[in-house]
Amino acid sequence: MKITLERTNLLRSLNHVHRVVERRNTIPILSNVLLRTDGGELSLKATDLDLEVVERVPAIVEAAGATTVPAHMLYDIVRKLPEGSEVSLATSADGATVELTSGRSRFRLQMLPESDFPDLTAGDFSHRFSLKASELKGLVDRTQFAISTEETRYYLNGIFFHTVETGGDLSLRAVATDGHRLAQAERAAPSGSEGMPGIIVPRKTVSEIQKLLEDPDADVSVELSETKIRVSVGTVVLTSKLIDGTFPDYGRVIPQGNDKEMIVDCELFAKAVDRVSTISSERGRAVKLSMTDDRLTLTVTNPDSGSATDELAVEYQAEDLEIGFNARYLLDVTDQLQTGTAIFKLSDPGSPTLILDNGATDTLYVLMPMRV
């Protein structure tokens, strides 16, 4: 194999594929990226056996072929080359190394044979649909913060995508929960998603998909089966296994009868929570919300360092209420609100609270209270 290509194009492609490769691997070939010529292009592929990313980049192909080289090392080399330079890659006659040349810089990288590189066999996809990158990004961004990191409850380690009928219209809904908080977002279901299986997309895959959705106007193709998802954006194709598990009946934890309503300016509220939580050594320490007529008092008490209080003017006309929440979780939710005003629907100090984006009907958040 002998090819020449622009450093900028190669770096952009490597930036997409090298992230899939784990830094530590017991299987040597999984540390490598597969380079294969395809017509007038270079195809790059990386995998961790659960997730696979393939990207194509224009190249001048002098001799066709394929090989594999260490992914992170190749990325670091190309990243440090001068902007605007050209990169040449050529395999040695004995098939043991790849020589990378750019200007006066030369590198020889150990390679492993292409035949050893695993292929994440996709199989047949039962459902296909397209949507704008901004639409998929909206679903992911507003829910991914609530994905659980607790490995024992593996079925919560991703976002649950499924279609639901609401008011006679079909919606594509994304839900994530870690048992302490829940995030739900939805949009009109794209054509082709009707009857799709409910799927749980793993946390790592969600993170990689987010990074592919840089251009909000880009068209995204999504293909689904019971066990895999494939997402195509421009020249990048990401294929991933899905979490083999059953997502819990999340509808049971969304409160329906919370009759106490507080309306608060989102930015002022977030800044007040951030201020009072400074007194605690951990951001996760509980902040107490005390509500009386049109006034909210926020309190944090830390036995080791003292206490803090702050007050905000709010819209609240129900009976007085005191309730505690994890400060970090409150800030995670307010980060997602788009309209600038948050609506808290509360019941009592021991029941979950519903948080809505004022005027937005496509998202909702649920927070479990803490003892204060």
Protein backbone atom coordinates (compact mmCIF):
# COMPACT_ATOMS: atom_id res chain seq x y z
CA MET A 1 0.00 0.00 0.00
CA LYS A 2 1.23 3.48 -0.85
CA ILE A 3 -0.94 6.59 -0.49
CA THR A 4 -0.69 10.36 -0.04
CA LEU A 5 -3.31 12.59 1.58
CA GLU A 6 -3.85 15.93 3.28
CA ARG A 7 -2.84 16.02 6.96
CA THR A 8 -6.02 17.98 7.85
CA ASN A 9 -8.31 15.35 6.31
CA LEU A 10 -6.42 12.47 7.91
CA LEU A 11 -6.46 14.13 11.33
CA ARG A 12 -10.19 14.81 11.18
CA SER A 13 -10.89 11.18 10.29
CA LEU A 14 -8.52 9.81 12.93
CA ASN A 15 -10.17 12.07 15.49
CA HIS A 16 -13.45 10.23 14.85
CA VAL A 17 -12.11 6.67 14.82
CA HIS A 18 -9.28 6.63 17.39
CA ARG A 19 -11.61 7.44 20.31
CA VAL A 20 -13.25 4.02 19.98
CA VAL A 21 -9.92 2.30 20.72
CA GLU A 22 -9.34 1.57 24.40
CA ARG A 23 -5.98 2.74 25.77
CA ARG A 24 -5.34 -0.65 27.37
CA ASN A 25 -6.07 -3.79 25.40
CA THR A 26 -5.35 -7.44 26.12
CA ILE A 27 -5.91 -8.18 22.42
CA PRO A 28 -3.15 -6.35 20.45
CA ILE A 29 -5.13 -5.98 17.20
CA LEU A 30 -7.81 -3.97 19.03
CA SER A 31 -5.21 -1.24 19.69
CA ASN A 32 -4.88 -0.73 15.94
CA VAL A 33 -6.78 1.12 13.24
CA LEU A 34 -7.43 -0.67 9.95
CA LEU A 35 -6.28 1.32 6.90
CA ARG A 36 -7.64 0.10 3.55
CA THR A 37 -7.65 1.75 0.13
CA ASP A 38 -11.02 1.93 -1.62
CA GLY A 39 -10.90 3.49 -5.09
CA GLY A 40 -9.61 7.04 -4.62
CA GLU A 41 -10.19 6.96 -0.87
CA LEU A 42 -8.64 5.67 2.32
CA SER A 43 -11.00 3.83 4.66
CA LEU A 44 -10.20 3.89 8.40
CA LYS A 45 -11.84 1.46 10.81
CA ALA A 46 -11.56 1.02 14.59
CA THR A 47 -13.46 -1.24 16.99
CA ASP A 48 -13.64 -2.42 20.60
CA LEU A 49 -15.82 -5.43 19.58
CA ASP A 50 -18.97 -3.63 20.82
CA LEU A 51 -18.62 -0.43 18.81
CA GLU A 52 -17.16 0.10 15.34
CA VAL A 53 -16.49 3.35 13.47
CA VAL A 54 -15.58 3.56 9.79
CA GLU A 55 -14.65 6.76 7.95
CA ARG A 56 -13.55 7.44 4.39
CA VAL A 57 -11.14 10.20 3.40
CA PRO A 58 -9.91 11.30 -0.10
CA ALA A 59 -6.40 10.09 -0.94
CA ILE A 60 -4.02 9.68 -3.88
CA VAL A 61 -3.60 5.91 -4.14
CA GLU A 62 -0.36 4.83 -5.80
CA ALA A 63 -0.56 1.20 -4.67
CA ALA A 64 -3.72 -0.36 -3.25
CA GLY A 65 -3.64 -2.45 -0.09
CA ALA A 66 -4.58 -2.71 3.57
CA THR A 67 -2.84 -2.89 6.95
CA THR A 68 -3.30 -2.01 10.62
CA VAL A 69 -1.22 0.32 12.81
CA PRO A 70 -1.48 1.55 16.44
CA ALA A 71 -4.43 3.98 16.48
CA HIS A 72 -3.44 6.37 19.29
CA MET A 73 0.17 6.57 18.14
CA LEU A 74 -0.86 7.37 14.57
CA TYR A 75 -3.29 10.02 15.81
CA ASP A 76 -0.62 11.65 18.02
CA ILE A 77 1.90 11.71 15.17
CA VAL A 78 -0.50 13.28 12.66
CA ARG A 79 -1.73 15.78 15.28
CA LYS A 80 1.84 17.04 15.80
CA LEU A 81 2.63 17.46 12.09
CA PRO A 82 2.56 21.01 10.65
CA GLU A 83 -0.77 22.36 9.43
CA GLY A 84 -1.22 22.22 5.66
CA SER A 85 1.30 19.39 5.21
CA GLU A 86 0.84 16.23 3.19
CA VAL A 87 1.22 12.74 4.66
CA SER A 88 2.47 9.66 2.80
CA LEU A 89 1.90 6.14 4.09
CA ALA A 90 3.67 3.13 2.59
CA THR A 91 4.00 -0.46 3.76
CA SER A 92 7.49 -2.04 3.74
CA ALA A 93 8.40 -4.86 1.38
CA ASP A 94 8.58 -7.39 4.23
CA GLY A 95 5.12 -6.40 5.51
CA ALA A 96 6.39 -5.63 9.02
CA THR A 97 6.18 -1.84 9.18
CA VAL A 98 4.40 1.20 7.76
CA GLU A 99 6.49 4.25 6.91
CA LEU A 100 4.83 7.62 7.47
CA THR A 101 6.52 10.55 5.74
CA SER A 102 5.64 14.24 5.95
CA GLY A 103 8.20 16.85 4.89
CA ARG A 104 11.41 15.91 6.68
CA SER A 105 9.63 13.82 9.33
CA ARG A 106 9.77 10.05 9.05
CA PHE A 107 8.20 7.41 11.27
CA ARG A 108 8.21 3.64 11.09
CA LEU A 109 5.26 1.98 12.82
CA GLN A 110 4.88 -1.70 13.64
CA MET A 111 1.89 -3.18 11.86
CA LEU A 112 -0.31 -6.22 12.29
CA PRO A 113 -1.92 -8.05 9.35
CA GLU A 114 -5.30 -6.89 8.09
CA SER A 115 -6.60 -10.48 8.25
CA ASP A 116 -6.42 -10.36 12.09
CA PHE A 117 -8.74 -7.34 12.32
CA PRO A 118 -12.21 -8.25 13.64
CA ASP A 119 -15.39 -7.33 11.78
CA LEU A 120 -18.48 -6.32 13.75
CA THR A 121 -20.94 -8.20 11.55
CA ALA A 122 -23.99 -6.00 11.28
CA GLY A 123 -26.62 -8.47 10.04
CA ASP A 124 -29.97 -7.25 8.77
CA PHE A 125 -31.54 -4.00 9.96
CA SER A 126 -35.32 -4.06 10.25
CA HIS A 127 -35.92 -0.29 10.48
CA ARG A 128 -34.34 2.69 8.71
CA PHE A 129 -35.09 6.38 9.09
CA SER A 130 -33.42 9.77 8.63
CA LEU A 131 -33.45 12.97 10.64
CA LYS A 132 -31.43 16.15 11.03
CA ALA A 133 -28.36 16.08 13.26
CA SER A 134 -29.87 18.86 15.40
CA GLU A 135 -32.96 16.71 16.08
CA LEU A 136 -31.00 13.64 17.19
CA LYS A 137 -28.57 15.82 19.13
CA GLY A 138 -31.48 17.41 20.99
CA LEU A 139 -32.75 14.00 22.13
CA VAL A 140 -29.28 12.89 23.21
CA ASP A 141 -28.11 16.13 24.87
CA ARG A 142 -31.21 16.49 27.03
CA THR A 143 -31.11 12.93 28.40
CA GLN A 144 -27.53 11.63 28.43
CA PHE A 145 -26.60 13.29 31.75
CA ALA A 146 -29.06 10.95 33.56
CA ILE A 147 -27.48 7.71 32.25
CA SER A 148 -26.51 5.43 35.13
CA THR A 149 -22.84 4.54 35.69
CA GLU A 150 -23.69 1.68 38.06
CA GLU A 151 -22.57 -1.45 36.22
CA THR A 152 -24.76 -3.83 38.25
CA ARG A 153 -27.87 -2.22 36.75
CA TYR A 154 -26.46 -2.54 33.23
CA TYR A 155 -29.86 -1.96 31.58
CA LEU A 156 -29.71 1.67 32.83
CA ASN A 157 -26.25 2.26 31.29
CA GLY A 158 -27.66 3.88 28.15
CA ILE A 159 -30.50 5.86 26.57
CA PHE A 160 -33.78 4.05 25.86
CA PHE A 161 -35.12 5.01 22.41
CA HIS A 162 -38.65 3.96 21.42
CA THR A 163 -41.77 5.27 19.71
CA VAL A 164 -44.92 6.25 21.61
CA GLU A 165 -48.31 7.54 20.54
CA THR A 166 -49.34 10.75 22.27
CA GLY A 167 -52.53 12.55 21.34
CA GLY A 168 -52.86 10.55 18.14
CA ASP A 169 -49.37 11.48 16.93
CA LEU A 170 -46.36 9.15 16.93
CA SER A 171 -43.25 10.43 18.73
CA LEU A 172 -39.66 9.20 18.96
CA ARG A 173 -38.80 9.32 22.67
CA ALA A 174 -35.46 9.13 24.51
CA VAL A 175 -35.35 8.30 28.24
CA ALA A 176 -32.46 7.91 30.68
CA THR A 177 -32.46 7.34 34.43
CA ASP A 178 -30.05 6.34 37.18
CA GLY A 179 -32.72 5.77 39.82
CA HIS A 180 -32.19 9.21 41.37
CA ARG A 181 -33.23 11.33 38.38
CA LEU A 182 -34.98 10.78 35.07
CA ALA A 183 -34.78 12.72 31.80
CA GLN A 184 -37.24 12.36 28.93
CA ALA A 185 -37.19 14.08 25.53
CA GLU A 186 -39.18 13.48 22.37
CA ARG A 187 -39.85 14.73 18.87
CA ALA A 188 -42.17 13.79 16.01
CA ALA A 189 -41.29 10.28 14.88
CA PRO A 190 -39.44 10.26 11.53
CA SER A 191 -40.86 8.23 8.66
CA GLY A 192 -39.61 4.64 8.88
CA SER A 193 -39.45 4.48 12.67
CA GLU A 194 -42.99 3.11 13.01
CA GLY A 195 -42.96 -0.21 14.86
CA MET A 196 -39.26 0.02 15.68
CA PRO A 197 -38.07 -2.12 18.61
CA GLY A 198 -37.34 -0.32 21.88
CA ILE A 199 -33.54 -0.13 22.08
CA ILE A 200 -31.01 0.80 24.79
CA VAL A 201 -28.00 2.56 23.24
CA PRO A 202 -24.87 2.14 25.46
CA ARG A 203 -23.25 5.13 27.18
CA LYS A 204 -20.02 4.96 25.13
CA THR A 205 -21.97 4.78 21.86
CA VAL A 206 -24.11 7.75 22.93
CA SER A 207 -20.94 9.76 23.60
CA GLU A 208 -19.49 8.92 20.17
CA ILE A 209 -22.76 9.72 18.39
CA GLN A 210 -22.81 13.13 20.13
CA LYS A 211 -19.39 13.95 18.68
CA LEU A 212 -20.51 13.09 15.15
CA LEU A 213 -23.41 15.56 15.26
CA GLU A 214 -21.27 18.70 14.89
CA ASP A 215 -23.12 20.11 11.87
CA PRO A 216 -26.76 20.72 12.95
CA ASP A 217 -27.99 20.67 9.34
CA ALA A 218 -26.34 17.35 8.44
CA ASP A 219 -28.60 14.44 7.50
CA VAL A 220 -28.29 11.45 9.82
CA SER A 221 -29.29 7.95 8.72
CA VAL A 222 -30.25 5.52 11.51
CA GLU A 223 -30.63 1.77 10.98
CA LEU A 224 -31.90 -0.53 13.73
CA SER A 225 -32.28 -4.19 14.56
CA GLU A 226 -33.05 -5.98 17.83
CA THR A 227 -29.33 -6.13 18.67
CA LYS A 228 -27.52 -3.35 16.75
CA ILE A 229 -27.71 0.28 15.68
CA ARG A 230 -25.93 1.91 12.75
CA VAL A 231 -25.64 5.69 12.47
CA SER A 232 -24.29 7.30 9.29
CA VAL A 233 -23.28 10.98 9.15
CA GLY A 234 -21.48 12.18 6.02
CA THR A 235 -18.48 9.90 5.50
CA VAL A 236 -18.66 8.33 8.98
CA VAL A 237 -20.50 5.08 9.73
CA LEU A 238 -20.85 4.01 13.38
CA THR A 239 -22.13 0.53 14.21
CA SER A 240 -22.76 -0.59 17.77
CA LYS A 241 -24.21 -3.45 19.74
CA LEU A 242 -27.19 -2.55 21.92
CA ILE A 243 -27.62 -3.31 25.61
CA ASP A 244 -29.34 -6.69 25.91
CA GLY A 245 -31.79 -5.95 28.70
CA THR A 246 -35.24 -4.62 29.54
CA PHE A 247 -35.59 -0.94 30.39
CA PRO A 248 -37.86 -0.47 33.44
CA ASP A 249 -41.39 0.90 33.24
CA TYR A 250 -40.26 4.51 33.71
CA GLY A 251 -43.82 5.86 33.45
CA ARG A 252 -44.54 4.67 36.99
CA VAL A 253 -42.02 7.10 38.51
CA ILE A 254 -43.26 10.19 36.65
CA PRO A 255 -45.54 11.92 39.18
CA GLN A 256 -49.04 12.77 37.94
CA GLY A 257 -50.73 14.41 40.92
CA ASN A 258 -48.16 16.92 42.19
CA ASP A 259 -50.34 19.93 43.04
CA LYS A 260 -47.80 22.47 44.36
CA GLU A 261 -46.24 24.60 41.61
CA MET A 262 -43.18 26.83 41.77
CA ILE A 263 -42.10 28.92 38.76
CA VAL A 264 -38.55 30.27 38.89
CA ASP A 265 -36.08 32.04 36.61
CA CYS A 266 -33.73 29.28 35.52
CA GLU A 267 -30.49 31.30 35.41
CA LEU A 268 -31.05 32.98 38.78
CA PHE A 269 -31.97 29.63 40.35
CA ALA A 270 -28.89 27.85 38.96
CA LYS A 271 -26.57 30.61 40.18
CA ALA A 272 -28.13 30.52 43.65
CA VAL A 273 -27.75 26.72 43.88
CA ASP A 274 -24.13 27.05 42.72
CA ARG A 275 -23.43 29.74 45.32
CA VAL A 276 -24.83 27.97 48.36
CA SER A 277 -23.30 24.60 47.39
CA THR A 278 -19.85 26.24 47.64
CA ILE A 279 -20.01 25.74 51.40
CA SER A 280 -20.00 21.96 51.01
CA SER A 281 -16.90 19.99 50.14
CA GLU A 282 -18.95 17.80 47.78
CA ARG A 283 -21.15 19.20 45.03
CA GLY A 284 -23.57 16.36 45.65
CA ARG A 285 -24.47 17.52 49.16
CA ALA A 286 -28.14 18.29 49.63
CA VAL A 287 -29.48 21.80 49.16
CA LYS A 288 -32.73 22.53 51.02
CA LEU A 289 -35.44 24.46 49.21
CA SER A 290 -37.88 26.24 51.52
CA MET A 291 -40.93 27.68 49.75
CA THR A 292 -43.37 30.22 51.15
CA ASP A 293 -45.55 32.81 49.39
CA ASP A 294 -43.59 33.87 46.29
CA ARG A 295 -40.26 33.33 48.06
CA LEU A 296 -37.68 30.55 47.84
CA THR A 297 -34.90 30.13 50.41
CA LEU A 298 -31.98 27.84 49.55
CA THR A 299 -29.90 26.44 52.42
CA VAL A 300 -26.80 24.24 52.60
CA THR A 301 -25.38 23.10 55.93
CA ASN A 302 -21.95 21.50 56.26
CA PRO A 303 -20.98 20.45 59.82
CA ASP A 304 -17.31 20.84 58.91
CA SER A 305 -17.35 24.35 57.45
CA GLY A 306 -20.60 26.18 58.20
CA SER A 307 -23.79 27.02 56.35
CA ALA A 308 -25.10 29.19 53.52
CA THR A 309 -28.49 30.63 52.56
CA ASP A 310 -29.80 32.53 49.57
CA GLU A 311 -33.22 33.90 48.63
CA LEU A 312 -35.06 34.23 45.33
CA ALA A 313 -38.38 35.74 44.29
CA VAL A 314 -40.52 33.00 42.69
CA GLU A 315 -44.13 32.32 41.81
CA TYR A 316 -45.46 30.04 44.57
CA GLN A 317 -48.89 30.19 46.21
CA ALA A 318 -49.26 26.71 47.75
CA GLU A 319 -48.73 25.76 51.40
CA ASP A 320 -45.21 26.10 52.84
CA LEU A 321 -42.87 23.27 51.87
CA GLU A 322 -39.29 22.21 52.62
CA ILE A 323 -37.58 19.66 50.37
CA GLY A 324 -33.96 18.68 49.69
CA PHE A 325 -32.20 17.83 46.42
CA ASN A 326 -28.72 16.86 45.27
CA ALA A 327 -27.18 20.19 44.15
CA ARG A 328 -25.36 18.60 41.21
CA TYR A 329 -28.56 17.02 39.93
CA LEU A 330 -30.41 20.34 40.12
CA LEU A 331 -27.68 22.02 38.05
CA ASP A 332 -27.65 19.17 35.51
CA VAL A 333 -31.37 19.69 34.90
CA THR A 334 -31.25 23.49 34.72
CA ASP A 335 -28.41 23.20 32.18
CA GLN A 336 -30.87 21.51 29.80
CA LEU A 337 -33.75 23.97 30.08
CA GLN A 338 -34.16 26.11 26.96
CA THR A 339 -36.89 28.65 27.75
CA GLY A 340 -35.27 30.38 30.73
CA THR A 341 -38.05 29.50 33.17
CA ALA A 342 -38.41 26.28 35.17
CA ILE A 343 -41.66 24.88 36.56
CA PHE A 344 -41.31 22.66 39.65
CA LYS A 345 -44.35 20.49 40.38
CA LEU A 346 -44.04 19.26 43.96
CA SER A 347 -46.00 17.05 46.35
CA ASP A 348 -44.24 16.48 49.70
CA PRO A 349 -40.65 16.18 51.05
CA GLY A 350 -40.50 12.43 50.35
CA SER A 351 -42.02 12.24 46.85
CA PRO A 352 -40.42 12.75 43.42
CA THR A 353 -40.61 16.23 41.89
CA LEU A 354 -41.45 16.94 38.26
CA ILE A 355 -39.45 19.70 36.54
CA LEU A 356 -40.69 21.17 33.26
CA ASP A 357 -39.26 23.62 30.76
CA ASN A 358 -41.87 26.42 30.75
CA GLY A 359 -43.77 26.30 27.47
CA ALA A 360 -41.88 23.26 26.14
CA THR A 361 -43.91 20.05 25.88
CA ASP A 362 -41.17 17.81 24.48
CA THR A 363 -39.07 17.38 27.64
CA LEU A 364 -39.58 16.57 31.32
CA TYR A 365 -37.32 15.77 34.25
CA VAL A 366 -37.94 13.92 37.52
CA LEU A 367 -35.79 14.29 40.65
CA MET A 368 -35.93 12.15 43.77
CA PRO A 369 -35.60 14.22 46.97
CA MET A 370 -32.86 13.86 49.61
CA ARG A 371 -33.16 14.00 53.38
CA VAL A 372 -32.17 17.41 54.78
